[in-house]
Amino acid sequence: HADEKVHSEFHATYTLNCAQPEALTEINFAYFDEFENALEV
């Protein structure tokens, strides 16, 4: 399949510790500000 397109993908894993988990009321996706081609998650 030398003539076929390669599809690359970024992969990330994270572990967070939150001192006040009850305050986790929302996530703001600043991701869209960093990556202009990103449209949806």
Full PDB file with SEQRES, HELIX, SHEET, SSBOND, CRYST1, ORIGX, SCALE, CONECT and MASTER records, all heavy atoms in Angstrom:
SEQRES   1 A   41  HIS ALA ASP GLU LYS VAL HIS SER GLU PHE HIS ALA THR          
SEQRES   2 A   41  TYR THR LEU ASN CYS ALA GLN PRO GLU ALA LEU THR GLU          
SEQRES   3 A   41  ILE ASN PHE ALA TYR PHE ASP GLU PHE GLU ASN ALA LEU          
SEQRES   4 A   41  GLU VAL                                                      
HELIX    1 AA1 PRO A   21  ALA A   23  5                                   3    
HELIX    2 AA2 TYR A   31  GLU A   34  1                                   4    
CRYST1    1.000    1.000    1.000  90.00  90.00  90.00 P 1           1          
ORIGX1      1.000000  0.000000  0.000000        0.00000                         
ORIGX2      0.000000  1.000000  0.000000        0.00000                         
ORIGX3      0.000000  0.000000  1.000000        0.00000                         
SCALE1      1.000000  0.000000  0.000000        0.00000                         
SCALE2      0.000000  1.000000  0.000000        0.00000                         
SCALE3      0.000000  0.000000  1.000000        0.00000                         
ATOM      1  N   HIS A   1       0.837  -1.198   0.000  1.00  0.00           N  
ATOM      2  CA  HIS A   1       0.000   0.000   0.000  1.00  0.00           C  
ATOM      3  C   HIS A   1       0.874   1.252   0.000  1.00  0.00           C  
ATOM      4  O   HIS A   1       0.576   2.239   0.637  1.00  0.00           O  
ATOM      5  CB  HIS A   1      -0.987  -0.001   1.165  1.00  0.00           C  
ATOM      6  CG  HIS A   1      -0.348  -0.186   2.505  1.00  0.00           C  
ATOM      7  ND1 HIS A   1       0.214  -1.358   2.901  1.00  0.00           N  
ATOM      8  CD2 HIS A   1      -0.170   0.676   3.533  1.00  0.00           C  
ATOM      9  CE1 HIS A   1       0.702  -1.231   4.120  1.00  0.00           C  
ATOM     10  NE2 HIS A   1       0.494   0.002   4.521  1.00  0.00           N  
ATOM     11  N   ALA A   2       1.944   1.207  -0.771  1.00  0.00           N  
ATOM     12  CA  ALA A   2       2.873   2.324  -0.820  1.00  0.00           C  
ATOM     13  C   ALA A   2       2.214   3.590  -1.349  1.00  0.00           C  
ATOM     14  O   ALA A   2       2.620   4.691  -1.004  1.00  0.00           O  
ATOM     15  CB  ALA A   2       4.081   1.961  -1.691  1.00  0.00           C  
ATOM     16  N   ASP A   3       1.197   3.446  -2.198  1.00  0.00           N  
ATOM     17  CA  ASP A   3       0.553   4.623  -2.773  1.00  0.00           C  
ATOM     18  C   ASP A   3      -0.594   5.146  -1.911  1.00  0.00           C  
ATOM     19  O   ASP A   3      -1.177   6.171  -2.234  1.00  0.00           O  
ATOM     20  CB  ASP A   3       0.004   4.293  -4.168  1.00  0.00           C  
ATOM     21  CG  ASP A   3       1.129   3.972  -5.143  1.00  0.00           C  
ATOM     22  OD1 ASP A   3       2.249   4.473  -4.945  1.00  0.00           O  
ATOM     23  OD2 ASP A   3       0.873   3.213  -6.090  1.00  0.00           O  
ATOM     24  N   GLU A   4      -0.933   4.448  -0.845  1.00  0.00           N  
ATOM     25  CA  GLU A   4      -2.052   4.876  -0.005  1.00  0.00           C  
ATOM     26  C   GLU A   4      -1.604   5.929   0.998  1.00  0.00           C  
ATOM     27  O   GLU A   4      -0.455   5.976   1.399  1.00  0.00           O  
ATOM     28  CB  GLU A   4      -2.630   3.660   0.727  1.00  0.00           C  
ATOM     29  CG  GLU A   4      -3.232   2.652  -0.217  1.00  0.00           C  
ATOM     30  CD  GLU A   4      -3.708   1.411   0.496  1.00  0.00           C  
ATOM     31  OE1 GLU A   4      -3.820   1.438   1.732  1.00  0.00           O  
ATOM     32  OE2 GLU A   4      -3.955   0.414  -0.189  1.00  0.00           O  
ATOM     33  N   LYS A   5      -2.541   6.783   1.402  1.00  0.00           N  
ATOM     34  CA  LYS A   5      -2.237   7.843   2.361  1.00  0.00           C  
ATOM     35  C   LYS A   5      -2.027   7.274   3.758  1.00  0.00           C  
ATOM     36  O   LYS A   5      -2.699   6.346   4.173  1.00  0.00           O  
ATOM     37  CB  LYS A   5      -3.393   8.836   2.428  1.00  0.00           C  
ATOM     38  CG  LYS A   5      -3.441   9.770   1.273  1.00  0.00           C  
ATOM     39  CD  LYS A   5      -4.462  10.852   1.564  1.00  0.00           C  
ATOM     40  CE  LYS A   5      -4.341  11.940   0.540  1.00  0.00           C  
ATOM     41  NZ  LYS A   5      -5.226  13.053   0.832  1.00  0.00           N  
ATOM     42  N   VAL A   6      -1.097   7.872   4.488  1.00  0.00           N  
ATOM     43  CA  VAL A   6      -0.862   7.535   5.881  1.00  0.00           C  
ATOM     44  C   VAL A   6      -1.674   8.508   6.724  1.00  0.00           C  
ATOM     45  O   VAL A   6      -1.721   9.700   6.434  1.00  0.00           O  
ATOM     46  CB  VAL A   6       0.634   7.642   6.227  1.00  0.00           C  
ATOM     47  CG1 VAL A   6       0.861   7.504   7.709  1.00  0.00           C  
ATOM     48  CG2 VAL A   6       1.418   6.596   5.461  1.00  0.00           C  
ATOM     49  N   HIS A   7      -2.340   7.997   7.746  1.00  0.00           N  
ATOM     50  CA  HIS A   7      -3.108   8.845   8.649  1.00  0.00           C  
ATOM     51  C   HIS A   7      -2.411   8.852   9.998  1.00  0.00           C  
ATOM     52  O   HIS A   7      -2.402   7.857  10.702  1.00  0.00           O  
ATOM     53  CB  HIS A   7      -4.542   8.318   8.805  1.00  0.00           C  
ATOM     54  CG  HIS A   7      -5.311   8.409   7.545  1.00  0.00           C  
ATOM     55  ND1 HIS A   7      -5.818   9.595   7.069  1.00  0.00           N  
ATOM     56  CD2 HIS A   7      -5.658   7.470   6.642  1.00  0.00           C  
ATOM     57  CE1 HIS A   7      -6.446   9.375   5.934  1.00  0.00           C  
ATOM     58  NE2 HIS A   7      -6.365   8.103   5.651  1.00  0.00           N  
ATOM     59  N   SER A   8      -1.827   9.982  10.333  1.00  0.00           N  
ATOM     60  CA  SER A   8      -1.166  10.085  11.625  1.00  0.00           C  
ATOM     61  C   SER A   8      -2.142  10.677  12.635  1.00  0.00           C  
ATOM     62  O   SER A   8      -3.056  11.415  12.286  1.00  0.00           O  
ATOM     63  CB  SER A   8       0.096  10.930  11.530  1.00  0.00           C  
ATOM     64  OG  SER A   8      -0.215  12.246  11.124  1.00  0.00           O  
ATOM     65  N   GLU A   9      -1.912  10.329  13.888  1.00  0.00           N  
ATOM     66  CA  GLU A   9      -2.799  10.767  14.958  1.00  0.00           C  
ATOM     67  C   GLU A   9      -1.960  11.097  16.183  1.00  0.00           C  
ATOM     68  O   GLU A   9      -1.015  10.396  16.504  1.00  0.00           O  
ATOM     69  CB  GLU A   9      -3.771   9.629  15.269  1.00  0.00           C  
ATOM     70  CG  GLU A   9      -4.695   9.902  16.415  1.00  0.00           C  
ATOM     71  CD  GLU A   9      -5.681   8.767  16.621  1.00  0.00           C  
ATOM     72  OE1 GLU A   9      -6.730   8.788  15.953  1.00  0.00           O  
ATOM     73  OE2 GLU A   9      -5.400   7.871  17.419  1.00  0.00           O  
ATOM     74  N   PHE A  10      -2.340  12.173  16.846  1.00  0.00           N  
ATOM     75  CA  PHE A  10      -1.701  12.503  18.114  1.00  0.00           C  
ATOM     76  C   PHE A  10      -2.476  11.817  19.231  1.00  0.00           C  
ATOM     77  O   PHE A  10      -3.711  11.744  19.190  1.00  0.00           O  
ATOM     78  CB  PHE A  10      -1.671  14.023  18.334  1.00  0.00           C  
ATOM     79  CG  PHE A  10      -0.622  14.696  17.510  1.00  0.00           C  
ATOM     80  CD1 PHE A  10      -0.884  15.099  16.213  1.00  0.00           C  
ATOM     81  CD2 PHE A  10       0.645  14.923  18.033  1.00  0.00           C  
ATOM     82  CE1 PHE A  10       0.086  15.716  15.448  1.00  0.00           C  
ATOM     83  CE2 PHE A  10       1.622  15.536  17.273  1.00  0.00           C  
ATOM     84  CZ  PHE A  10       1.340  15.940  15.971  1.00  0.00           C  
ATOM     85  N   HIS A  11      -1.740  11.323  20.207  1.00  0.00           N  
ATOM     86  CA  HIS A  11      -2.328  10.612  21.338  1.00  0.00           C  
ATOM     87  C   HIS A  11      -1.699  11.168  22.609  1.00  0.00           C  
ATOM     88  O   HIS A  11      -0.480  11.333  22.675  1.00  0.00           O  
ATOM     89  CB  HIS A  11      -2.037   9.118  21.201  1.00  0.00           C  
ATOM     90  CG  HIS A  11      -2.524   8.301  22.339  1.00  0.00           C  
ATOM     91  ND1 HIS A  11      -1.733   7.385  22.982  1.00  0.00           N  
ATOM     92  CD2 HIS A  11      -3.726   8.246  22.968  1.00  0.00           C  
ATOM     93  CE1 HIS A  11      -2.427   6.813  23.951  1.00  0.00           C  
ATOM     94  NE2 HIS A  11      -3.628   7.319  23.973  1.00  0.00           N  
ATOM     95  N   ALA A  12      -2.535  11.474  23.587  1.00  0.00           N  
ATOM     96  CA  ALA A  12      -2.030  11.990  24.856  1.00  0.00           C  
ATOM     97  C   ALA A  12      -2.785  11.347  26.004  1.00  0.00           C  
ATOM     98  O   ALA A  12      -3.974  11.034  25.879  1.00  0.00           O  
ATOM     99  CB  ALA A  12      -2.193  13.509  24.916  1.00  0.00           C  
ATOM    100  N   THR A  13      -2.079  11.131  27.109  1.00  0.00           N  
ATOM    101  CA  THR A  13      -2.707  10.631  28.334  1.00  0.00           C  
ATOM    102  C   THR A  13      -2.317  11.546  29.486  1.00  0.00           C  
ATOM    103  O   THR A  13      -1.190  12.062  29.524  1.00  0.00           O  
ATOM    104  CB  THR A  13      -2.275   9.185  28.654  1.00  0.00           C  
ATOM    105  OG1 THR A  13      -0.850   9.146  28.791  1.00  0.00           O  
ATOM    106  CG2 THR A  13      -2.735   8.213  27.576  1.00  0.00           C  
ATOM    107  N   TYR A  14      -3.274  11.722  30.386  1.00  0.00           N  
ATOM    108  CA  TYR A  14      -3.063  12.622  31.515  1.00  0.00           C  
ATOM    109  C   TYR A  14      -3.670  12.022  32.776  1.00  0.00           C  
ATOM    110  O   TYR A  14      -4.729  11.401  32.717  1.00  0.00           O  
ATOM    111  CB  TYR A  14      -3.754  13.967  31.286  1.00  0.00           C  
ATOM    112  CG  TYR A  14      -3.594  14.570  29.917  1.00  0.00           C  
ATOM    113  CD1 TYR A  14      -4.685  14.744  29.074  1.00  0.00           C  
ATOM    114  CD2 TYR A  14      -2.344  14.993  29.468  1.00  0.00           C  
ATOM    115  CE1 TYR A  14      -4.546  15.325  27.830  1.00  0.00           C  
ATOM    116  CE2 TYR A  14      -2.195  15.572  28.220  1.00  0.00           C  
ATOM    117  CZ  TYR A  14      -3.302  15.735  27.391  1.00  0.00           C  
ATOM    118  OH  TYR A  14      -3.152  16.297  26.157  1.00  0.00           O  
ATOM    119  N   THR A  15      -3.024  12.258  33.886  1.00  0.00           N  
ATOM    120  CA  THR A  15      -3.594  11.981  35.196  1.00  0.00           C  
ATOM    121  C   THR A  15      -3.471  13.259  36.010  1.00  0.00           C  
ATOM    122  O   THR A  15      -2.385  13.838  36.101  1.00  0.00           O  
ATOM    123  CB  THR A  15      -2.856  10.832  35.917  1.00  0.00           C  
ATOM    124  OG1 THR A  15      -2.863   9.676  35.076  1.00  0.00           O  
ATOM    125  CG2 THR A  15      -3.524  10.508  37.249  1.00  0.00           C  
ATOM    126  N   LEU A  16      -4.591  13.695  36.566  1.00  0.00           N  
ATOM    127  CA  LEU A  16      -4.630  14.906  37.370  1.00  0.00           C  
ATOM    128  C   LEU A  16      -5.072  14.559  38.779  1.00  0.00           C  
ATOM    129  O   LEU A  16      -5.790  13.581  38.987  1.00  0.00           O  
ATOM    130  CB  LEU A  16      -5.627  15.913  36.780  1.00  0.00           C  
ATOM    131  CG  LEU A  16      -5.524  16.217  35.288  1.00  0.00           C  
ATOM    132  CD1 LEU A  16      -6.662  17.136  34.859  1.00  0.00           C  
ATOM    133  CD2 LEU A  16      -4.179  16.823  34.955  1.00  0.00           C  
ATOM    134  N   ASN A  17      -4.658  15.381  39.723  1.00  0.00           N  
ATOM    135  CA  ASN A  17      -5.133  15.269  41.101  1.00  0.00           C  
ATOM    136  C   ASN A  17      -5.760  16.618  41.438  1.00  0.00           C  
ATOM    137  O   ASN A  17      -5.120  17.652  41.271  1.00  0.00           O  
ATOM    138  CB  ASN A  17      -3.978  14.952  42.048  1.00  0.00           C  
ATOM    139  CG  ASN A  17      -4.461  14.678  43.458  1.00  0.00           C  
ATOM    140  OD1 ASN A  17      -5.655  14.606  43.721  1.00  0.00           O  
ATOM    141  ND2 ASN A  17      -3.527  14.531  44.370  1.00  0.00           N  
ATOM    142  N   CYS A  18      -7.009  16.597  41.895  1.00  0.00           N  
ATOM    143  CA  CYS A  18      -7.737  17.826  42.199  1.00  0.00           C  
ATOM    144  C   CYS A  18      -8.032  17.883  43.697  1.00  0.00           C  
ATOM    145  O   CYS A  18      -8.719  17.006  44.230  1.00  0.00           O  
ATOM    146  CB  CYS A  18      -9.021  17.903  41.394  1.00  0.00           C  
ATOM    147  SG  CYS A  18      -8.714  17.898  39.600  1.00  0.00           S  
ATOM    148  N   ALA A  19      -7.531  18.919  44.348  1.00  0.00           N  
ATOM    149  CA  ALA A  19      -7.689  19.075  45.794  1.00  0.00           C  
ATOM    150  C   ALA A  19      -9.158  19.272  46.191  1.00  0.00           C  
ATOM    151  O   ALA A  19      -9.570  18.835  47.260  1.00  0.00           O  
ATOM    152  CB  ALA A  19      -6.842  20.247  46.289  1.00  0.00           C  
ATOM    153  N   GLN A  20      -9.921  19.919  45.332  1.00  0.00           N  
ATOM    154  CA  GLN A  20     -11.345  20.183  45.591  1.00  0.00           C  
ATOM    155  C   GLN A  20     -12.178  19.664  44.416  1.00  0.00           C  
ATOM    156  O   GLN A  20     -12.693  20.441  43.608  1.00  0.00           O  
ATOM    157  CB  GLN A  20     -11.573  21.695  45.769  1.00  0.00           C  
ATOM    158  CG  GLN A  20     -10.770  22.336  46.876  1.00  0.00           C  
ATOM    159  CD  GLN A  20     -11.184  21.819  48.236  1.00  0.00           C  
ATOM    160  OE1 GLN A  20     -12.355  21.549  48.498  1.00  0.00           O  
ATOM    161  NE2 GLN A  20     -10.216  21.669  49.134  1.00  0.00           N  
ATOM    162  N   PRO A  21     -12.328  18.348  44.274  1.00  0.00           N  
ATOM    163  CA  PRO A  21     -13.029  17.808  43.107  1.00  0.00           C  
ATOM    164  C   PRO A  21     -14.478  18.286  42.984  1.00  0.00           C  
ATOM    165  O   PRO A  21     -15.021  18.322  41.881  1.00  0.00           O  
ATOM    166  CB  PRO A  21     -12.952  16.292  43.296  1.00  0.00           C  
ATOM    167  CG  PRO A  21     -12.603  16.085  44.723  1.00  0.00           C  
ATOM    168  CD  PRO A  21     -11.872  17.294  45.179  1.00  0.00           C  
ATOM    169  N   GLU A  22     -15.086  18.686  44.103  1.00  0.00           N  
ATOM    170  CA  GLU A  22     -16.465  19.187  44.029  1.00  0.00           C  
ATOM    171  C   GLU A  22     -16.542  20.495  43.244  1.00  0.00           C  
ATOM    172  O   GLU A  22     -17.618  20.892  42.790  1.00  0.00           O  
ATOM    173  CB  GLU A  22     -17.057  19.362  45.437  1.00  0.00           C  
ATOM    174  CG  GLU A  22     -16.363  20.413  46.291  1.00  0.00           C  
ATOM    175  CD  GLU A  22     -15.101  19.937  47.010  1.00  0.00           C  
ATOM    176  OE1 GLU A  22     -14.682  18.769  46.831  1.00  0.00           O  
ATOM    177  OE2 GLU A  22     -14.528  20.745  47.757  1.00  0.00           O  
ATOM    178  N   ALA A  23     -15.414  21.160  43.019  1.00  0.00           N  
ATOM    179  CA  ALA A  23     -15.385  22.408  42.251  1.00  0.00           C  
ATOM    180  C   ALA A  23     -15.208  22.165  40.749  1.00  0.00           C  
ATOM    181  O   ALA A  23     -15.120  23.113  39.970  1.00  0.00           O  
ATOM    182  CB  ALA A  23     -14.275  23.316  42.777  1.00  0.00           C  
ATOM    183  N   LEU A  24     -15.167  20.904  40.333  1.00  0.00           N  
ATOM    184  CA  LEU A  24     -15.047  20.582  38.902  1.00  0.00           C  
ATOM    185  C   LEU A  24     -16.411  20.757  38.234  1.00  0.00           C  
ATOM    186  O   LEU A  24     -17.151  19.801  38.033  1.00  0.00           O  
ATOM    187  CB  LEU A  24     -14.526  19.156  38.716  1.00  0.00           C  
ATOM    188  CG  LEU A  24     -13.086  18.927  39.125  1.00  0.00           C  
ATOM    189  CD1 LEU A  24     -12.756  17.441  39.135  1.00  0.00           C  
ATOM    190  CD2 LEU A  24     -12.159  19.674  38.182  1.00  0.00           C  
ATOM    191  N   THR A  25     -16.728  21.977  37.885  1.00  0.00           N  
ATOM    192  CA  THR A  25     -18.042  22.303  37.337  1.00  0.00           C  
ATOM    193  C   THR A  25     -18.055  22.412  35.825  1.00  0.00           C  
ATOM    194  O   THR A  25     -19.112  22.343  35.213  1.00  0.00           O  
ATOM    195  CB  THR A  25     -18.557  23.622  37.936  1.00  0.00           C  
ATOM    196  OG1 THR A  25     -17.579  24.645  37.673  1.00  0.00           O  
ATOM    197  CG2 THR A  25     -18.791  23.485  39.433  1.00  0.00           C  
ATOM    198  N   GLU A  26     -16.870  22.593  35.213  1.00  0.00           N  
ATOM    199  CA  GLU A  26     -16.815  22.734  33.762  1.00  0.00           C  
ATOM    200  C   GLU A  26     -15.393  22.513  33.265  1.00  0.00           C  
ATOM    201  O   GLU A  26     -14.433  22.527  34.034  1.00  0.00           O  
ATOM    202  CB  GLU A  26     -17.290  24.128  33.329  1.00  0.00           C  
ATOM    203  CG  GLU A  26     -16.372  25.250  33.770  1.00  0.00           C  
ATOM    204  CD  GLU A  26     -16.874  26.629  33.365  1.00  0.00           C  
ATOM    205  OE1 GLU A  26     -18.088  26.778  33.116  1.00  0.00           O  
ATOM    206  OE2 GLU A  26     -16.049  27.551  33.302  1.00  0.00           O  
ATOM    207  N   ILE A  27     -15.304  22.310  31.953  1.00  0.00           N  
ATOM    208  CA  ILE A  27     -14.018  22.263  31.270  1.00  0.00           C  
ATOM    209  C   ILE A  27     -14.113  23.248  30.113  1.00  0.00           C  
ATOM    210  O   ILE A  27     -15.018  23.159  29.285  1.00  0.00           O  
ATOM    211  CB  ILE A  27     -13.694  20.864  30.718  1.00  0.00           C  
ATOM    212  CG1 ILE A  27     -13.647  19.830  31.831  1.00  0.00           C  
ATOM    213  CG2 ILE A  27     -12.363  20.888  29.956  1.00  0.00           C  
ATOM    214  CD1 ILE A  27     -13.485  18.395  31.337  1.00  0.00           C  
ATOM    215  N   ASN A  28     -13.179  24.177  30.061  1.00  0.00           N  
ATOM    216  CA  ASN A  28     -13.104  25.116  28.946  1.00  0.00           C  
ATOM    217  C   ASN A  28     -12.061  24.579  27.970  1.00  0.00           C  
ATOM    218  O   ASN A  28     -10.906  24.375  28.343  1.00  0.00           O  
ATOM    219  CB  ASN A  28     -12.720  26.508  29.441  1.00  0.00           C  
ATOM    220  CG  ASN A  28     -12.732  27.530  28.316  1.00  0.00           C  
ATOM    221  OD1 ASN A  28     -12.679  27.187  27.146  1.00  0.00           O  
ATOM    222  ND2 ASN A  28     -12.780  28.784  28.690  1.00  0.00           N  
ATOM    223  N   PHE A  29     -12.444  24.370  26.733  1.00  0.00           N  
ATOM    224  CA  PHE A  29     -11.577  23.773  25.726  1.00  0.00           C  
ATOM    225  C   PHE A  29     -10.740  24.849  25.021  1.00  0.00           C  
ATOM    226  O   PHE A  29     -11.023  25.239  23.894  1.00  0.00           O  
ATOM    227  CB  PHE A  29     -12.404  22.957  24.730  1.00  0.00           C  
ATOM    228  CG  PHE A  29     -12.837  21.634  25.263  1.00  0.00           C  
ATOM    229  CD1 PHE A  29     -13.760  21.549  26.306  1.00  0.00           C  
ATOM    230  CD2 PHE A  29     -12.321  20.458  24.757  1.00  0.00           C  
ATOM    231  CE1 PHE A  29     -14.161  20.328  26.815  1.00  0.00           C  
ATOM    232  CE2 PHE A  29     -12.715  19.224  25.265  1.00  0.00           C  
ATOM    233  CZ  PHE A  29     -13.634  19.164  26.299  1.00  0.00           C  
ATOM    234  N   ALA A  30      -9.694  25.309  25.700  1.00  0.00           N  
ATOM    235  CA  ALA A  30      -8.729  26.230  25.102  1.00  0.00           C  
ATOM    236  C   ALA A  30      -7.981  25.521  23.965  1.00  0.00           C  
ATOM    237  O   ALA A  30      -7.297  26.167  23.164  1.00  0.00           O  
ATOM    238  CB  ALA A  30      -7.763  26.735  26.158  1.00  0.00           C  
ATOM    239  N   TYR A  31      -8.130  24.230  23.890  1.00  0.00           N  
ATOM    240  CA  TYR A  31      -7.586  23.403  22.801  1.00  0.00           C  
ATOM    241  C   TYR A  31      -7.899  24.017  21.444  1.00  0.00           C  
ATOM    242  O   TYR A  31      -7.052  24.047  20.548  1.00  0.00           O  
ATOM    243  CB  TYR A  31      -8.185  21.993  22.941  1.00  0.00           C  
ATOM    244  CG  TYR A  31      -8.093  21.114  21.734  1.00  0.00           C  
ATOM    245  CD1 TYR A  31      -6.899  20.495  21.399  1.00  0.00           C  
ATOM    246  CD2 TYR A  31      -9.206  20.875  20.932  1.00  0.00           C  
ATOM    247  CE1 TYR A  31      -6.813  19.662  20.298  1.00  0.00           C  
ATOM    248  CE2 TYR A  31      -9.134  20.048  19.828  1.00  0.00           C  
ATOM    249  CZ  TYR A  31      -7.929  19.450  19.510  1.00  0.00           C  
ATOM    250  OH  TYR A  31      -7.848  18.623  18.419  1.00  0.00           O  
ATOM    251  N   PHE A  32      -9.126  24.536  21.290  1.00  0.00           N  
ATOM    252  CA  PHE A  32      -9.522  25.117  20.003  1.00  0.00           C  
ATOM    253  C   PHE A  32      -8.715  26.377  19.676  1.00  0.00           C  
ATOM    254  O   PHE A  32      -8.507  26.692  18.502  1.00  0.00           O  
ATOM    255  CB  PHE A  32     -11.019  25.436  19.999  1.00  0.00           C  
ATOM    256  CG  PHE A  32     -11.890  24.219  20.065  1.00  0.00           C  
ATOM    257  CD1 PHE A  32     -12.719  24.012  21.156  1.00  0.00           C  
ATOM    258  CD2 PHE A  32     -11.892  23.272  19.051  1.00  0.00           C  
ATOM    259  CE1 PHE A  32     -13.531  22.890  21.230  1.00  0.00           C  
ATOM    260  CE2 PHE A  32     -12.696  22.144  19.116  1.00  0.00           C  
ATOM    261  CZ  PHE A  32     -13.521  21.952  20.203  1.00  0.00           C  
ATOM    262  N   ASP A  33      -8.274  27.099  20.692  1.00  0.00           N  
ATOM    263  CA  ASP A  33      -7.453  28.289  20.470  1.00  0.00           C  
ATOM    264  C   ASP A  33      -6.046  27.914  20.008  1.00  0.00           C  
ATOM    265  O   ASP A  33      -5.420  28.659  19.257  1.00  0.00           O  
ATOM    266  CB  ASP A  33      -7.352  29.124  21.755  1.00  0.00           C  
ATOM    267  CG  ASP A  33      -8.702  29.646  22.210  1.00  0.00           C  
ATOM    268  OD1 ASP A  33      -9.582  29.870  21.351  1.00  0.00           O  
ATOM    269  OD2 ASP A  33      -8.869  29.821  23.429  1.00  0.00           O  
ATOM    270  N   GLU A  34      -5.561  26.773  20.458  1.00  0.00           N  
ATOM    271  CA  GLU A  34      -4.215  26.313  20.109  1.00  0.00           C  
ATOM    272  C   GLU A  34      -4.145  25.697  18.715  1.00  0.00           C  
ATOM    273  O   GLU A  34      -3.114  25.805  18.045  1.00  0.00           O  
ATOM    274  CB  GLU A  34      -3.718  25.280  21.123  1.00  0.00           C  
ATOM    275  CG  GLU A  34      -3.366  25.853  22.461  1.00  0.00           C  
ATOM    276  CD  GLU A  34      -2.120  26.722  22.427  1.00  0.00           C  
ATOM    277  OE1 GLU A  34      -1.205  26.469  21.604  1.00  0.00           O  
ATOM    278  OE2 GLU A  34      -2.065  27.663  23.227  1.00  0.00           O  
ATOM    279  N   PHE A  35      -5.204  25.021  18.299  1.00  0.00           N  
ATOM    280  CA  PHE A  35      -5.164  24.247  17.055  1.00  0.00           C  
ATOM    281  C   PHE A  35      -6.317  24.679  16.145  1.00  0.00           C  
ATOM    282  O   PHE A  35      -7.457  24.244  16.305  1.00  0.00           O  
ATOM    283  CB  PHE A  35      -5.220  22.745  17.371  1.00  0.00           C  
ATOM    284  CG  PHE A  35      -4.096  22.308  18.267  1.00  0.00           C  
ATOM    285  CD1 PHE A  35      -4.322  21.977  19.586  1.00  0.00           C  
ATOM    286  CD2 PHE A  35      -2.789  22.258  17.785  1.00  0.00           C  
ATOM    287  CE1 PHE A  35      -3.283  21.580  20.420  1.00  0.00           C  
ATOM    288  CE2 PHE A  35      -1.738  21.866  18.615  1.00  0.00           C  
ATOM    289  CZ  PHE A  35      -1.989  21.532  19.926  1.00  0.00           C  
ATOM    290  N   GLU A  36      -5.992  25.522  15.175  1.00  0.00           N  
ATOM    291  CA  GLU A  36      -7.021  26.147  14.333  1.00  0.00           C  
ATOM    292  C   GLU A  36      -7.797  25.174  13.457  1.00  0.00           C  
ATOM    293  O   GLU A  36      -8.909  25.477  13.038  1.00  0.00           O  
ATOM    294  CB  GLU A  36      -6.402  27.248  13.473  1.00  0.00           C  
ATOM    295  CG  GLU A  36      -5.417  26.738  12.449  1.00  0.00           C  
ATOM    296  CD  GLU A  36      -4.764  27.859  11.670  1.00  0.00           C  
ATOM    297  OE1 GLU A  36      -4.436  28.890  12.284  1.00  0.00           O  
ATOM    298  OE2 GLU A  36      -4.579  27.689  10.449  1.00  0.00           O  
ATOM    299  N   ASN A  37      -7.254  23.999  13.161  1.00  0.00           N  
ATOM    300  CA  ASN A  37      -7.972  23.026  12.330  1.00  0.00           C  
ATOM    301  C   ASN A  37      -8.923  22.148  13.134  1.00  0.00           C  
ATOM    302  O   ASN A  37      -9.684  21.372  12.562  1.00  0.00           O  
ATOM    303  CB  ASN A  37      -6.984  22.135  11.578  1.00  0.00           C  
ATOM    304  CG  ASN A  37      -6.173  22.924  10.567  1.00  0.00           C  
ATOM    305  OD1 ASN A  37      -6.656  23.894   9.996  1.00  0.00           O  
ATOM    306  ND2 ASN A  37      -4.934  22.526  10.365  1.00  0.00           N  
ATOM    307  N   ALA A  38      -8.871  22.246  14.455  1.00  0.00           N  
ATOM    308  CA  ALA A  38      -9.757  21.461  15.318  1.00  0.00           C  
ATOM    309  C   ALA A  38     -11.137  22.112  15.341  1.00  0.00           C  
ATOM    310  O   ALA A  38     -11.258  23.311  15.591  1.00  0.00           O  
ATOM    311  CB  ALA A  38      -9.184  21.379  16.723  1.00  0.00           C  
ATOM    312  N   LEU A  39     -12.164  21.315  15.078  1.00  0.00           N  
ATOM    313  CA  LEU A  39     -13.530  21.830  15.023  1.00  0.00           C  
ATOM    314  C   LEU A  39     -14.424  21.282  16.126  1.00  0.00           C  
ATOM    315  O   LEU A  39     -15.366  21.951  16.551  1.00  0.00           O  
ATOM    316  CB  LEU A  39     -14.156  21.492  13.663  1.00  0.00           C  
ATOM    317  CG  LEU A  39     -13.390  21.970  12.439  1.00  0.00           C  
ATOM    318  CD1 LEU A  39     -14.055  21.458  11.170  1.00  0.00           C  
ATOM    319  CD2 LEU A  39     -13.277  23.488  12.441  1.00  0.00           C  
ATOM    320  N   GLU A  40     -14.140  20.058  16.552  1.00  0.00           N  
ATOM    321  CA  GLU A  40     -15.025  19.378  17.503  1.00  0.00           C  
ATOM    322  C   GLU A  40     -14.226  18.361  18.302  1.00  0.00           C  
ATOM    323  O   GLU A  40     -13.255  17.797  17.804  1.00  0.00           O  
ATOM    324  CB  GLU A  40     -16.123  18.658  16.710  1.00  0.00           C  
ATOM    325  CG  GLU A  40     -17.054  17.806  17.505  1.00  0.00           C  
ATOM    326  CD  GLU A  40     -18.040  17.053  16.607  1.00  0.00           C  
ATOM    327  OE1 GLU A  40     -18.517  17.619  15.604  1.00  0.00           O  
ATOM    328  OE2 GLU A  40     -18.315  15.878  16.907  1.00  0.00           O  
ATOM    329  N   VAL A  41     -14.672  18.127  19.542  1.00  0.00           N  
ATOM    330  CA  VAL A  41     -14.110  17.051  20.352  1.00  0.00           C  
ATOM    331  C   VAL A  41     -15.278  16.222  20.868  1.00  0.00           C  
ATOM    332  O   VAL A  41     -16.208  16.756  21.489  1.00  0.00           O  
ATOM    333  CB  VAL A  41     -13.273  17.581  21.539  1.00  0.00           C  
ATOM    334  CG1 VAL A  41     -12.776  16.421  22.403  1.00  0.00           C  
ATOM    335  CG2 VAL A  41     -12.090  18.412  21.050  1.00  0.00           C  
TER     336      VAL A  41                                                      
MASTER        0    0    0    2    0    0    0    6  335    1    0    4          
END                                                                             
